[in-house]
Amino acid sequence: MRYLSTLKLPTYQCRVIVIVTDDLNKEGRRIYKKHDLEVYEDDEAEGMVICPDLTQYYLVISKVHLTYNTIAHECHHVVQGIVKDRGIEDDEAGAWLAGHISEFVYKFLQKRKLGVKHG
C-alpha cells in the first residue's frame, strides 16, 4: 500500500511529496528511476528524504515505522535540505517551516487514518 500527498511551498518554490509505504526500498527505487538518478541501494532505514532537484523533496516513511520520532527525524531532513539549498541561515525561518511541514504530515496521516505510534 502507498499513501501520497503533496505540500506546495510557493515561498521556497518547491513542493514536499509525502509518501507512506509498505515497501520503503521499492519506493526509493521508483523515485530514483522516475528522476533518472544514480542506482538506488536498498537500505534498512525507517524513512528517507530524496531530492532529485531543488523543486521536489520526497519525504518517504515506512508504514511499519510510522512513529513520532521517525516523522520528526525525516521532517528535519526536509527542512535542512530546503534551507541549505537556498542559503537560508535564519533559524526562525527553518523552525516555522518545520512546524508547517509537520502539521501537514500529521493532518495527512489523520485524514488517511494512519495511526502514529510512540517509539
N, C-alpha and C. Protein backbone atom coordinates (compact mmCIF):
# COMPACT_ATOMS: atom_id res chain seq x y z
N MET A 1 0.84 -1.18 0.00
CA MET A 1 0.00 0.00 0.00
C MET A 1 0.89 1.24 0.00
N ARG A 2 0.40 2.27 -0.65
CA ARG A 2 1.14 3.52 -0.77
C ARG A 2 0.17 4.68 -0.59
N TYR A 3 0.52 5.62 0.29
CA TYR A 3 -0.28 6.82 0.53
C TYR A 3 0.58 8.02 0.17
N LEU A 4 0.01 8.97 -0.55
CA LEU A 4 0.79 10.11 -1.05
C LEU A 4 0.00 11.40 -0.92
N SER A 5 0.70 12.48 -0.57
CA SER A 5 0.11 13.81 -0.56
C SER A 5 1.23 14.82 -0.82
N THR A 6 0.88 15.93 -1.45
CA THR A 6 1.88 16.93 -1.82
C THR A 6 1.59 18.26 -1.16
N LEU A 7 2.63 18.81 -0.55
CA LEU A 7 2.57 20.14 0.07
C LEU A 7 3.33 21.11 -0.84
N LYS A 8 2.64 22.11 -1.36
CA LYS A 8 3.29 23.13 -2.18
C LYS A 8 3.80 24.24 -1.28
N LEU A 9 5.03 24.65 -1.52
CA LEU A 9 5.66 25.73 -0.74
C LEU A 9 6.09 26.83 -1.71
N PRO A 10 5.16 27.71 -2.12
CA PRO A 10 5.49 28.74 -3.10
C PRO A 10 6.60 29.69 -2.64
N THR A 11 6.69 29.96 -1.34
CA THR A 11 7.73 30.84 -0.82
C THR A 11 9.12 30.31 -1.16
N TYR A 12 9.25 28.98 -1.16
CA TYR A 12 10.54 28.35 -1.42
C TYR A 12 10.62 27.76 -2.83
N GLN A 13 9.59 27.97 -3.61
CA GLN A 13 9.50 27.48 -4.98
C GLN A 13 9.79 25.98 -5.07
N CYS A 14 9.10 25.23 -4.19
CA CYS A 14 9.28 23.78 -4.20
C CYS A 14 8.03 23.11 -3.63
N ARG A 15 8.08 21.81 -3.63
CA ARG A 15 7.00 21.04 -3.02
C ARG A 15 7.59 19.86 -2.27
N VAL A 16 6.87 19.42 -1.26
CA VAL A 16 7.26 18.25 -0.48
C VAL A 16 6.23 17.17 -0.77
N ILE A 17 6.71 16.06 -1.30
CA ILE A 17 5.83 14.92 -1.60
C ILE A 17 5.98 13.94 -0.44
N VAL A 18 4.91 13.78 0.32
CA VAL A 18 4.92 12.89 1.49
C VAL A 18 4.38 11.54 1.05
N ILE A 19 5.14 10.49 1.33
CA ILE A 19 4.72 9.14 0.96
C ILE A 19 4.90 8.23 2.17
N VAL A 20 3.84 7.48 2.47
CA VAL A 20 3.91 6.42 3.47
C VAL A 20 3.72 5.13 2.68
N THR A 21 4.62 4.19 2.87
CA THR A 21 4.63 3.00 2.04
C THR A 21 4.88 1.73 2.85
N ASP A 22 4.39 0.62 2.33
CA ASP A 22 4.67 -0.69 2.92
C ASP A 22 6.07 -1.17 2.56
N ASP A 23 6.64 -0.64 1.47
CA ASP A 23 7.94 -1.10 0.99
C ASP A 23 8.83 0.11 0.68
N LEU A 24 9.63 0.50 1.65
CA LEU A 24 10.47 1.69 1.53
C LEU A 24 11.46 1.57 0.36
N ASN A 25 12.09 0.42 0.23
CA ASN A 25 13.08 0.25 -0.84
C ASN A 25 12.45 0.26 -2.22
N LYS A 26 11.29 -0.33 -2.36
CA LYS A 26 10.58 -0.30 -3.64
C LYS A 26 10.26 1.15 -4.01
N GLU A 27 9.83 1.93 -3.04
CA GLU A 27 9.51 3.34 -3.28
C GLU A 27 10.77 4.12 -3.64
N GLY A 28 11.86 3.86 -2.94
CA GLY A 28 13.13 4.52 -3.26
C GLY A 28 13.57 4.21 -4.69
N ARG A 29 13.48 2.95 -5.09
CA ARG A 29 13.85 2.58 -6.46
C ARG A 29 12.96 3.26 -7.48
N ARG A 30 11.65 3.38 -7.17
CA ARG A 30 10.70 4.02 -8.08
C ARG A 30 11.05 5.48 -8.29
N ILE A 31 11.35 6.18 -7.21
CA ILE A 31 11.69 7.61 -7.30
C ILE A 31 13.00 7.80 -8.06
N TYR A 32 14.00 6.98 -7.75
CA TYR A 32 15.28 7.08 -8.44
C TYR A 32 15.11 6.85 -9.94
N LYS A 33 14.32 5.84 -10.30
CA LYS A 33 14.10 5.54 -11.72
C LYS A 33 13.34 6.69 -12.40
N LYS A 34 12.30 7.18 -11.75
CA LYS A 34 11.48 8.26 -12.31
C LYS A 34 12.32 9.49 -12.63
N HIS A 35 13.29 9.79 -11.79
CA HIS A 35 14.10 11.01 -11.95
C HIS A 35 15.49 10.72 -12.53
N ASP A 36 15.69 9.49 -13.00
CA ASP A 36 16.95 9.10 -13.63
C ASP A 36 18.14 9.45 -12.75
N LEU A 37 18.05 9.05 -11.47
CA LEU A 37 19.13 9.28 -10.52
C LEU A 37 20.08 8.09 -10.52
N GLU A 38 21.12 8.16 -9.74
CA GLU A 38 22.07 7.06 -9.61
C GLU A 38 21.33 5.78 -9.23
N VAL A 39 22.06 4.70 -9.20
CA VAL A 39 21.47 3.42 -8.81
C VAL A 39 21.08 3.48 -7.34
N TYR A 40 19.85 3.09 -7.04
CA TYR A 40 19.38 3.08 -5.66
C TYR A 40 19.91 1.84 -4.95
N GLU A 41 20.43 2.02 -3.75
CA GLU A 41 20.90 0.90 -2.95
C GLU A 41 19.93 0.65 -1.82
N ASP A 42 19.41 -0.58 -1.72
CA ASP A 42 18.47 -0.93 -0.66
C ASP A 42 19.07 -0.62 0.70
N ASP A 43 18.20 -0.22 1.61
CA ASP A 43 18.62 0.20 2.94
C ASP A 43 17.62 -0.32 3.96
N GLU A 44 18.03 -0.42 5.19
CA GLU A 44 17.14 -0.85 6.28
C GLU A 44 16.57 0.34 7.03
N ALA A 45 16.52 1.49 6.39
CA ALA A 45 16.06 2.72 7.04
C ALA A 45 14.57 2.68 7.36
N GLU A 46 14.17 3.56 8.25
CA GLU A 46 12.76 3.71 8.61
C GLU A 46 12.09 4.75 7.73
N GLY A 47 12.88 5.64 7.17
CA GLY A 47 12.38 6.67 6.29
C GLY A 47 13.53 7.26 5.51
N MET A 48 13.21 8.14 4.56
CA MET A 48 14.25 8.78 3.77
C MET A 48 13.73 10.05 3.14
N VAL A 49 14.67 10.90 2.77
CA VAL A 49 14.35 12.10 2.00
C VAL A 49 15.17 12.04 0.72
N ILE A 50 14.49 12.19 -0.40
CA ILE A 50 15.15 12.18 -1.70
C ILE A 50 14.84 13.51 -2.38
N CYS A 51 15.87 14.17 -2.87
CA CYS A 51 15.72 15.46 -3.53
C CYS A 51 16.32 15.39 -4.93
N PRO A 52 15.51 15.08 -5.93
CA PRO A 52 16.05 14.98 -7.29
C PRO A 52 16.44 16.32 -7.90
N ASP A 53 15.83 17.39 -7.42
CA ASP A 53 16.19 18.75 -7.85
C ASP A 53 15.68 19.73 -6.80
N LEU A 54 15.94 21.01 -6.98
CA LEU A 54 15.58 21.99 -5.95
C LEU A 54 14.08 22.29 -5.86
N THR A 55 13.28 21.65 -6.69
CA THR A 55 11.84 21.91 -6.66
C THR A 55 11.04 20.78 -6.02
N GLN A 56 11.70 19.65 -5.73
CA GLN A 56 10.98 18.49 -5.20
C GLN A 56 11.77 17.84 -4.07
N TYR A 57 11.08 17.60 -2.98
CA TYR A 57 11.66 16.89 -1.85
C TYR A 57 10.70 15.76 -1.48
N TYR A 58 11.14 14.54 -1.63
CA TYR A 58 10.32 13.39 -1.26
C TYR A 58 10.62 13.03 0.18
N LEU A 59 9.58 13.00 1.00
CA LEU A 59 9.67 12.58 2.39
C LEU A 59 8.95 11.23 2.45
N VAL A 60 9.72 10.16 2.57
CA VAL A 60 9.18 8.81 2.48
C VAL A 60 9.37 8.10 3.81
N ILE A 61 8.28 7.52 4.32
CA ILE A 61 8.34 6.82 5.61
C ILE A 61 7.71 5.44 5.44
N SER A 62 8.37 4.45 6.03
CA SER A 62 7.84 3.10 6.06
C SER A 62 6.63 3.05 7.00
N LYS A 63 5.54 2.46 6.55
CA LYS A 63 4.33 2.38 7.37
C LYS A 63 4.60 1.63 8.68
N VAL A 64 5.48 0.64 8.62
CA VAL A 64 5.82 -0.15 9.81
C VAL A 64 6.50 0.73 10.87
N HIS A 65 7.23 1.73 10.41
CA HIS A 65 7.99 2.60 11.32
C HIS A 65 7.37 3.98 11.44
N LEU A 66 6.07 4.05 11.36
CA LEU A 66 5.36 5.33 11.41
C LEU A 66 5.24 5.77 12.88
N THR A 67 6.32 6.42 13.36
CA THR A 67 6.36 6.89 14.75
C THR A 67 6.58 8.39 14.77
N TYR A 68 6.29 9.00 15.90
CA TYR A 68 6.53 10.44 16.06
C TYR A 68 8.01 10.75 15.84
N ASN A 69 8.87 9.87 16.34
CA ASN A 69 10.30 10.05 16.20
C ASN A 69 10.72 10.05 14.73
N THR A 70 10.27 9.06 13.97
CA THR A 70 10.64 8.96 12.55
C THR A 70 10.11 10.15 11.76
N ILE A 71 8.88 10.56 12.05
CA ILE A 71 8.30 11.72 11.34
C ILE A 71 9.12 12.97 11.62
N ALA A 72 9.44 13.23 12.89
CA ALA A 72 10.24 14.41 13.24
C ALA A 72 11.62 14.34 12.58
N HIS A 73 12.21 13.17 12.59
CA HIS A 73 13.54 12.97 12.01
C HIS A 73 13.54 13.31 10.51
N GLU A 74 12.58 12.76 9.77
CA GLU A 74 12.53 12.99 8.33
C GLU A 74 12.10 14.42 7.99
N CYS A 75 11.20 15.00 8.78
CA CYS A 75 10.82 16.41 8.57
C CYS A 75 12.05 17.31 8.75
N HIS A 76 12.87 16.99 9.74
CA HIS A 76 14.10 17.76 9.97
C HIS A 76 14.99 17.71 8.72
N HIS A 77 15.17 16.53 8.15
CA HIS A 77 15.99 16.42 6.94
C HIS A 77 15.43 17.24 5.78
N VAL A 78 14.11 17.25 5.63
CA VAL A 78 13.49 18.04 4.56
C VAL A 78 13.77 19.52 4.78
N VAL A 79 13.54 20.00 5.98
CA VAL A 79 13.76 21.41 6.30
C VAL A 79 15.23 21.77 6.07
N GLN A 80 16.13 20.95 6.56
CA GLN A 80 17.56 21.22 6.38
C GLN A 80 17.91 21.31 4.90
N GLY A 81 17.34 20.42 4.09
CA GLY A 81 17.60 20.46 2.66
C GLY A 81 17.09 21.73 2.01
N ILE A 82 15.86 22.09 2.33
CA ILE A 82 15.25 23.28 1.73
C ILE A 82 16.04 24.54 2.08
N VAL A 83 16.34 24.74 3.37
CA VAL A 83 17.03 25.98 3.76
C VAL A 83 18.48 25.99 3.27
N LYS A 84 19.15 24.86 3.32
CA LYS A 84 20.54 24.80 2.85
C LYS A 84 20.60 25.07 1.35
N ASP A 85 19.71 24.43 0.59
CA ASP A 85 19.70 24.62 -0.87
C ASP A 85 19.44 26.07 -1.26
N ARG A 86 18.85 26.85 -0.37
CA ARG A 86 18.53 28.24 -0.67
C ARG A 86 19.43 29.23 0.08
N GLY A 87 20.40 28.72 0.79
CA GLY A 87 21.35 29.58 1.50
C GLY A 87 20.73 30.34 2.66
N ILE A 88 19.66 29.80 3.24
CA ILE A 88 18.99 30.45 4.36
C ILE A 88 19.66 30.05 5.66
N GLU A 89 20.09 31.03 6.43
CA GLU A 89 20.77 30.75 7.70
C GLU A 89 19.92 31.13 8.91
N ASP A 90 18.78 31.71 8.69
CA ASP A 90 17.90 32.15 9.77
C ASP A 90 17.20 30.94 10.40
N ASP A 91 17.52 30.66 11.66
CA ASP A 91 16.92 29.53 12.36
C ASP A 91 15.40 29.65 12.46
N GLU A 92 14.92 30.86 12.61
CA GLU A 92 13.47 31.08 12.76
C GLU A 92 12.72 30.65 11.50
N ALA A 93 13.28 30.93 10.34
CA ALA A 93 12.65 30.51 9.08
C ALA A 93 12.55 28.99 9.03
N GLY A 94 13.62 28.32 9.43
CA GLY A 94 13.61 26.86 9.46
C GLY A 94 12.63 26.30 10.48
N ALA A 95 12.52 26.95 11.62
CA ALA A 95 11.59 26.49 12.66
C ALA A 95 10.14 26.62 12.19
N TRP A 96 9.80 27.75 11.56
CA TRP A 96 8.45 27.92 11.03
C TRP A 96 8.16 26.89 9.94
N LEU A 97 9.14 26.65 9.09
CA LEU A 97 8.97 25.67 8.02
C LEU A 97 8.78 24.27 8.60
N ALA A 98 9.53 23.94 9.62
CA ALA A 98 9.39 22.63 10.28
C ALA A 98 7.98 22.45 10.84
N GLY A 99 7.46 23.48 11.47
CA GLY A 99 6.11 23.42 12.00
C GLY A 99 5.08 23.25 10.91
N HIS A 100 5.26 23.98 9.83
CA HIS A 100 4.31 23.93 8.70
C HIS A 100 4.31 22.53 8.06
N ILE A 101 5.49 21.99 7.82
CA ILE A 101 5.59 20.66 7.21
C ILE A 101 5.05 19.59 8.15
N SER A 102 5.41 19.67 9.42
CA SER A 102 4.94 18.68 10.40
C SER A 102 3.42 18.69 10.50
N GLU A 103 2.84 19.87 10.56
CA GLU A 103 1.38 19.98 10.65
C GLU A 103 0.74 19.34 9.42
N PHE A 104 1.29 19.59 8.24
CA PHE A 104 0.77 19.00 7.01
C PHE A 104 0.84 17.47 7.08
N VAL A 105 1.98 16.94 7.52
CA VAL A 105 2.15 15.49 7.61
C VAL A 105 1.13 14.89 8.56
N TYR A 106 0.95 15.47 9.74
CA TYR A 106 0.02 14.91 10.72
C TYR A 106 -1.44 15.00 10.24
N LYS A 107 -1.81 16.06 9.57
CA LYS A 107 -3.17 16.17 9.02
C LYS A 107 -3.38 15.12 7.93
N PHE A 108 -2.38 14.91 7.09
CA PHE A 108 -2.44 13.89 6.05
C PHE A 108 -2.62 12.51 6.67
N LEU A 109 -1.84 12.19 7.69
CA LEU A 109 -1.94 10.88 8.35
C LEU A 109 -3.30 10.70 9.01
N GLN A 110 -3.81 11.75 9.63
CA GLN A 110 -5.11 11.68 10.28
C GLN A 110 -6.21 11.45 9.24
N LYS A 111 -6.14 12.17 8.12
CA LYS A 111 -7.14 12.03 7.07
C LYS A 111 -7.15 10.61 6.50
N ARG A 112 -5.97 10.03 6.37
CA ARG A 112 -5.85 8.66 5.83
C ARG A 112 -6.04 7.59 6.90
N LYS A 113 -6.29 8.05 8.13
CA LYS A 113 -6.47 7.15 9.27
C LYS A 113 -5.25 6.23 9.49
N LEU A 114 -4.08 6.81 9.31
CA LEU A 114 -2.83 6.08 9.55
C LEU A 114 -2.35 6.42 10.95
N GLY A 115 -2.39 5.45 11.83
CA GLY A 115 -2.01 5.67 13.21
C GLY A 115 -0.51 5.85 13.39
N VAL A 116 -0.15 6.78 14.21
CA VAL A 116 1.25 7.04 14.54
C VAL A 116 1.52 6.43 15.91
N LYS A 117 2.64 5.70 15.98
CA LYS A 117 3.00 5.02 17.23
C LYS A 117 4.08 5.81 17.97
N HIS A 118 4.15 5.56 19.26
CA HIS A 118 5.27 6.07 20.04
C HIS A 118 6.38 5.06 19.87
N GLY A 119 7.61 5.54 19.92
CA GLY A 119 8.67 4.54 19.79
C GLY A 119 9.99 5.04 19.50
